[in-house]
Amino acid sequence: MTKENQPLFFVIRKDKWTDHYKYTIMQDKAFTLEEATRKVLAYEEINSDKDHTYHLNKVDSYLEDTKETVILENGANDVTSG
């Protein structure tokens, strides 16, 4: 698999509060699986608090699409190139 075709992942921090959870994307860009795994390991090494955990979340393909898609009222798609 070439580097361009590799799936991308966000590094997510999960904070446990008394009765709920808060999720935060750690950086504003997605990483390859190898890079994201390294970041998770580094974050876990720095912060070993059991109330803060780190996870990988695969970026959905629709977020990677460079075309703008408009969904019309009748459910049909109108794709315009930008």
N, C-alpha and C. Protein backbone atom coordinates (compact mmCIF):
# COMPACT_ATOMS: atom_id res chain seq x y z
N MET A 1 0.85 -1.17 0.00
CA MET A 1 0.00 0.00 0.00
C MET A 1 0.90 1.24 0.00
N THR A 2 0.64 2.15 -0.93
CA THR A 2 1.46 3.35 -1.00
C THR A 2 1.06 4.32 0.09
N LYS A 3 1.93 5.28 0.38
CA LYS A 3 1.67 6.23 1.44
C LYS A 3 0.40 7.05 1.17
N GLU A 4 0.12 7.34 -0.11
CA GLU A 4 -1.07 8.12 -0.44
C GLU A 4 -2.35 7.34 -0.17
N ASN A 5 -2.31 6.01 -0.24
CA ASN A 5 -3.50 5.19 -0.07
C ASN A 5 -3.71 4.71 1.36
N GLN A 6 -2.79 5.03 2.26
CA GLN A 6 -2.92 4.58 3.64
C GLN A 6 -4.06 5.31 4.34
N PRO A 7 -4.80 4.60 5.18
CA PRO A 7 -5.85 5.29 5.93
C PRO A 7 -5.23 6.26 6.94
N LEU A 8 -5.96 7.31 7.25
CA LEU A 8 -5.48 8.31 8.19
C LEU A 8 -6.27 8.22 9.49
N PHE A 9 -5.62 8.64 10.58
CA PHE A 9 -6.22 8.53 11.90
C PHE A 9 -6.04 9.83 12.67
N PHE A 10 -7.07 10.16 13.47
CA PHE A 10 -6.96 11.23 14.45
C PHE A 10 -6.56 10.60 15.78
N VAL A 11 -5.80 11.35 16.58
CA VAL A 11 -5.49 10.93 17.94
C VAL A 11 -6.50 11.64 18.84
N ILE A 12 -7.28 10.85 19.58
CA ILE A 12 -8.36 11.38 20.41
C ILE A 12 -8.01 11.19 21.88
N ARG A 13 -8.21 12.24 22.66
CA ARG A 13 -8.04 12.15 24.12
C ARG A 13 -9.43 12.03 24.74
N LYS A 14 -9.59 11.05 25.61
CA LYS A 14 -10.86 10.82 26.31
C LYS A 14 -10.65 11.16 27.77
N ASP A 15 -11.35 12.19 28.24
CA ASP A 15 -11.28 12.63 29.63
C ASP A 15 -12.51 12.14 30.37
N LYS A 16 -12.29 11.42 31.47
CA LYS A 16 -13.39 10.92 32.28
C LYS A 16 -13.70 11.94 33.37
N TRP A 17 -14.95 12.38 33.40
CA TRP A 17 -15.43 13.26 34.44
C TRP A 17 -16.31 12.44 35.37
N THR A 18 -16.87 13.05 36.35
CA THR A 18 -17.66 12.33 37.35
C THR A 18 -18.76 11.48 36.71
N ASP A 19 -19.53 12.08 35.82
CA ASP A 19 -20.66 11.35 35.26
C ASP A 19 -20.72 11.41 33.73
N HIS A 20 -19.67 11.85 33.07
CA HIS A 20 -19.67 11.89 31.61
C HIS A 20 -18.23 11.90 31.09
N TYR A 21 -18.11 11.87 29.76
CA TYR A 21 -16.80 11.87 29.10
C TYR A 21 -16.69 13.06 28.16
N LYS A 22 -15.47 13.52 27.97
CA LYS A 22 -15.18 14.58 27.02
C LYS A 22 -14.14 14.04 26.04
N TYR A 23 -14.36 14.24 24.75
CA TYR A 23 -13.44 13.77 23.71
C TYR A 23 -12.82 14.98 23.02
N THR A 24 -11.50 14.92 22.82
CA THR A 24 -10.78 16.02 22.19
C THR A 24 -9.83 15.46 21.13
N ILE A 25 -9.85 16.07 19.93
CA ILE A 25 -8.87 15.72 18.90
C ILE A 25 -7.58 16.43 19.27
N MET A 26 -6.48 15.69 19.40
CA MET A 26 -5.25 16.24 19.94
C MET A 26 -4.55 17.22 19.01
N GLN A 27 -4.61 17.00 17.71
CA GLN A 27 -4.00 17.92 16.76
C GLN A 27 -4.96 18.13 15.61
N ASP A 28 -4.77 19.19 14.86
CA ASP A 28 -5.71 19.52 13.79
C ASP A 28 -5.39 18.84 12.46
N LYS A 29 -4.67 17.73 12.51
CA LYS A 29 -4.39 16.98 11.29
C LYS A 29 -4.43 15.49 11.58
N ALA A 30 -4.61 14.73 10.53
CA ALA A 30 -4.66 13.28 10.65
C ALA A 30 -3.29 12.70 10.32
N PHE A 31 -3.03 11.50 10.85
CA PHE A 31 -1.73 10.86 10.69
C PHE A 31 -1.91 9.45 10.14
N THR A 32 -0.82 8.93 9.57
CA THR A 32 -0.83 7.52 9.17
C THR A 32 -0.89 6.69 10.44
N LEU A 33 -1.18 5.40 10.29
CA LEU A 33 -1.30 4.53 11.46
C LEU A 33 0.00 4.51 12.27
N GLU A 34 1.12 4.46 11.59
CA GLU A 34 2.41 4.43 12.28
C GLU A 34 2.66 5.71 13.07
N GLU A 35 2.43 6.86 12.44
CA GLU A 35 2.65 8.14 13.12
C GLU A 35 1.67 8.31 14.28
N ALA A 36 0.41 7.95 14.06
CA ALA A 36 -0.61 8.10 15.10
C ALA A 36 -0.31 7.20 16.29
N THR A 37 0.15 5.99 16.04
CA THR A 37 0.49 5.07 17.12
C THR A 37 1.65 5.62 17.95
N ARG A 38 2.63 6.18 17.29
CA ARG A 38 3.75 6.81 18.02
C ARG A 38 3.27 7.94 18.92
N LYS A 39 2.34 8.75 18.40
CA LYS A 39 1.82 9.87 19.18
C LYS A 39 1.03 9.37 20.39
N VAL A 40 0.21 8.34 20.19
CA VAL A 40 -0.55 7.78 21.31
C VAL A 40 0.39 7.27 22.40
N LEU A 41 1.42 6.55 21.99
CA LEU A 41 2.38 6.03 22.97
C LEU A 41 3.08 7.17 23.71
N ALA A 42 3.43 8.23 23.00
CA ALA A 42 4.08 9.38 23.63
C ALA A 42 3.13 10.07 24.61
N TYR A 43 1.89 10.30 24.20
CA TYR A 43 0.91 10.93 25.09
C TYR A 43 0.69 10.09 26.35
N GLU A 44 0.58 8.78 26.18
CA GLU A 44 0.36 7.90 27.33
C GLU A 44 1.56 7.89 28.26
N GLU A 45 2.76 8.02 27.70
CA GLU A 45 3.98 8.06 28.52
C GLU A 45 4.03 9.35 29.34
N ILE A 46 3.65 10.45 28.73
CA ILE A 46 3.68 11.75 29.40
C ILE A 46 2.59 11.84 30.46
N ASN A 47 1.40 11.36 30.13
CA ASN A 47 0.25 11.48 31.04
C ASN A 47 -0.25 10.10 31.40
N SER A 48 0.10 9.61 32.54
CA SER A 48 -0.30 8.26 32.96
C SER A 48 -1.54 8.27 33.85
N ASP A 49 -2.27 9.37 33.87
CA ASP A 49 -3.49 9.48 34.67
C ASP A 49 -4.57 8.57 34.09
N LYS A 50 -5.20 7.76 34.93
CA LYS A 50 -6.20 6.81 34.46
C LYS A 50 -7.47 7.48 33.96
N ASP A 51 -7.68 8.76 34.30
CA ASP A 51 -8.87 9.48 33.83
C ASP A 51 -8.69 10.08 32.44
N HIS A 52 -7.49 9.99 31.88
CA HIS A 52 -7.21 10.49 30.54
C HIS A 52 -6.63 9.34 29.71
N THR A 53 -7.34 8.94 28.68
CA THR A 53 -6.83 7.88 27.81
C THR A 53 -6.79 8.39 26.37
N TYR A 54 -5.99 7.75 25.56
CA TYR A 54 -5.79 8.16 24.17
C TYR A 54 -6.18 7.04 23.23
N HIS A 55 -6.80 7.42 22.13
CA HIS A 55 -7.35 6.44 21.19
C HIS A 55 -7.12 6.92 19.76
N LEU A 56 -7.18 5.97 18.84
CA LEU A 56 -7.10 6.29 17.42
C LEU A 56 -8.49 6.21 16.81
N ASN A 57 -8.80 7.16 15.95
CA ASN A 57 -10.07 7.17 15.25
C ASN A 57 -9.80 7.36 13.77
N LYS A 58 -10.21 6.38 12.97
CA LYS A 58 -9.97 6.43 11.54
C LYS A 58 -10.77 7.56 10.90
N VAL A 59 -10.11 8.33 10.05
CA VAL A 59 -10.77 9.42 9.35
C VAL A 59 -11.65 8.81 8.27
N ASP A 60 -12.92 9.16 8.26
CA ASP A 60 -13.84 8.63 7.26
C ASP A 60 -13.48 9.17 5.88
N SER A 61 -13.77 8.38 4.88
CA SER A 61 -13.40 8.74 3.52
C SER A 61 -14.08 10.02 3.05
N TYR A 62 -15.28 10.32 3.56
CA TYR A 62 -15.95 11.54 3.11
C TYR A 62 -15.23 12.79 3.59
N LEU A 63 -14.44 12.69 4.64
CA LEU A 63 -13.66 13.84 5.10
C LEU A 63 -12.45 14.08 4.21
N GLU A 64 -11.99 13.04 3.52
CA GLU A 64 -10.83 13.16 2.65
C GLU A 64 -11.21 13.60 1.24
N ASP A 65 -12.51 13.59 0.89
CA ASP A 65 -12.98 13.91 -0.45
C ASP A 65 -12.73 15.39 -0.74
N THR A 66 -12.09 15.67 -1.87
CA THR A 66 -11.78 17.06 -2.23
C THR A 66 -12.93 17.72 -2.98
N LYS A 67 -13.93 16.95 -3.38
CA LYS A 67 -15.08 17.51 -4.09
C LYS A 67 -16.14 17.95 -3.09
N GLU A 68 -16.85 18.99 -3.45
CA GLU A 68 -17.95 19.43 -2.61
C GLU A 68 -19.21 18.70 -3.05
N THR A 69 -19.91 18.12 -2.11
CA THR A 69 -21.13 17.38 -2.40
C THR A 69 -22.31 18.10 -1.77
N VAL A 70 -23.34 18.31 -2.57
CA VAL A 70 -24.55 18.94 -2.08
C VAL A 70 -25.66 17.91 -2.16
N ILE A 71 -26.38 17.73 -1.07
CA ILE A 71 -27.51 16.81 -1.06
C ILE A 71 -28.79 17.63 -1.23
N LEU A 72 -29.52 17.35 -2.31
CA LEU A 72 -30.73 18.07 -2.61
C LEU A 72 -31.88 17.58 -1.76
N GLU A 73 -32.99 18.32 -1.74
CA GLU A 73 -34.14 17.95 -0.92
C GLU A 73 -34.68 16.57 -1.25
N ASN A 74 -34.65 16.18 -2.51
CA ASN A 74 -35.21 14.89 -2.90
C ASN A 74 -34.23 13.74 -2.64
N GLY A 75 -33.08 14.02 -2.05
CA GLY A 75 -32.12 12.97 -1.72
C GLY A 75 -31.07 12.73 -2.79
N ALA A 76 -31.21 13.36 -3.96
CA ALA A 76 -30.22 13.19 -5.03
C ALA A 76 -28.97 13.99 -4.68
N ASN A 77 -27.84 13.54 -5.18
CA ASN A 77 -26.58 14.23 -4.94
C ASN A 77 -26.20 15.07 -6.15
N ASP A 78 -25.72 16.26 -5.91
CA ASP A 78 -25.22 17.13 -6.96
C ASP A 78 -23.76 17.39 -6.64
N VAL A 79 -22.84 16.80 -7.41
CA VAL A 79 -21.42 16.95 -7.15
C VAL A 79 -20.87 18.05 -8.05
N THR A 80 -20.24 19.04 -7.42
CA THR A 80 -19.60 20.11 -8.17
C THR A 80 -18.12 20.08 -7.87
N SER A 81 -17.29 20.24 -8.87
CA SER A 81 -15.85 20.23 -8.64
C SER A 81 -15.42 21.63 -8.27
N GLY A 82 -14.49 21.71 -7.29
CA GLY A 82 -14.09 22.99 -6.76
C GLY A 82 -12.76 23.41 -7.09
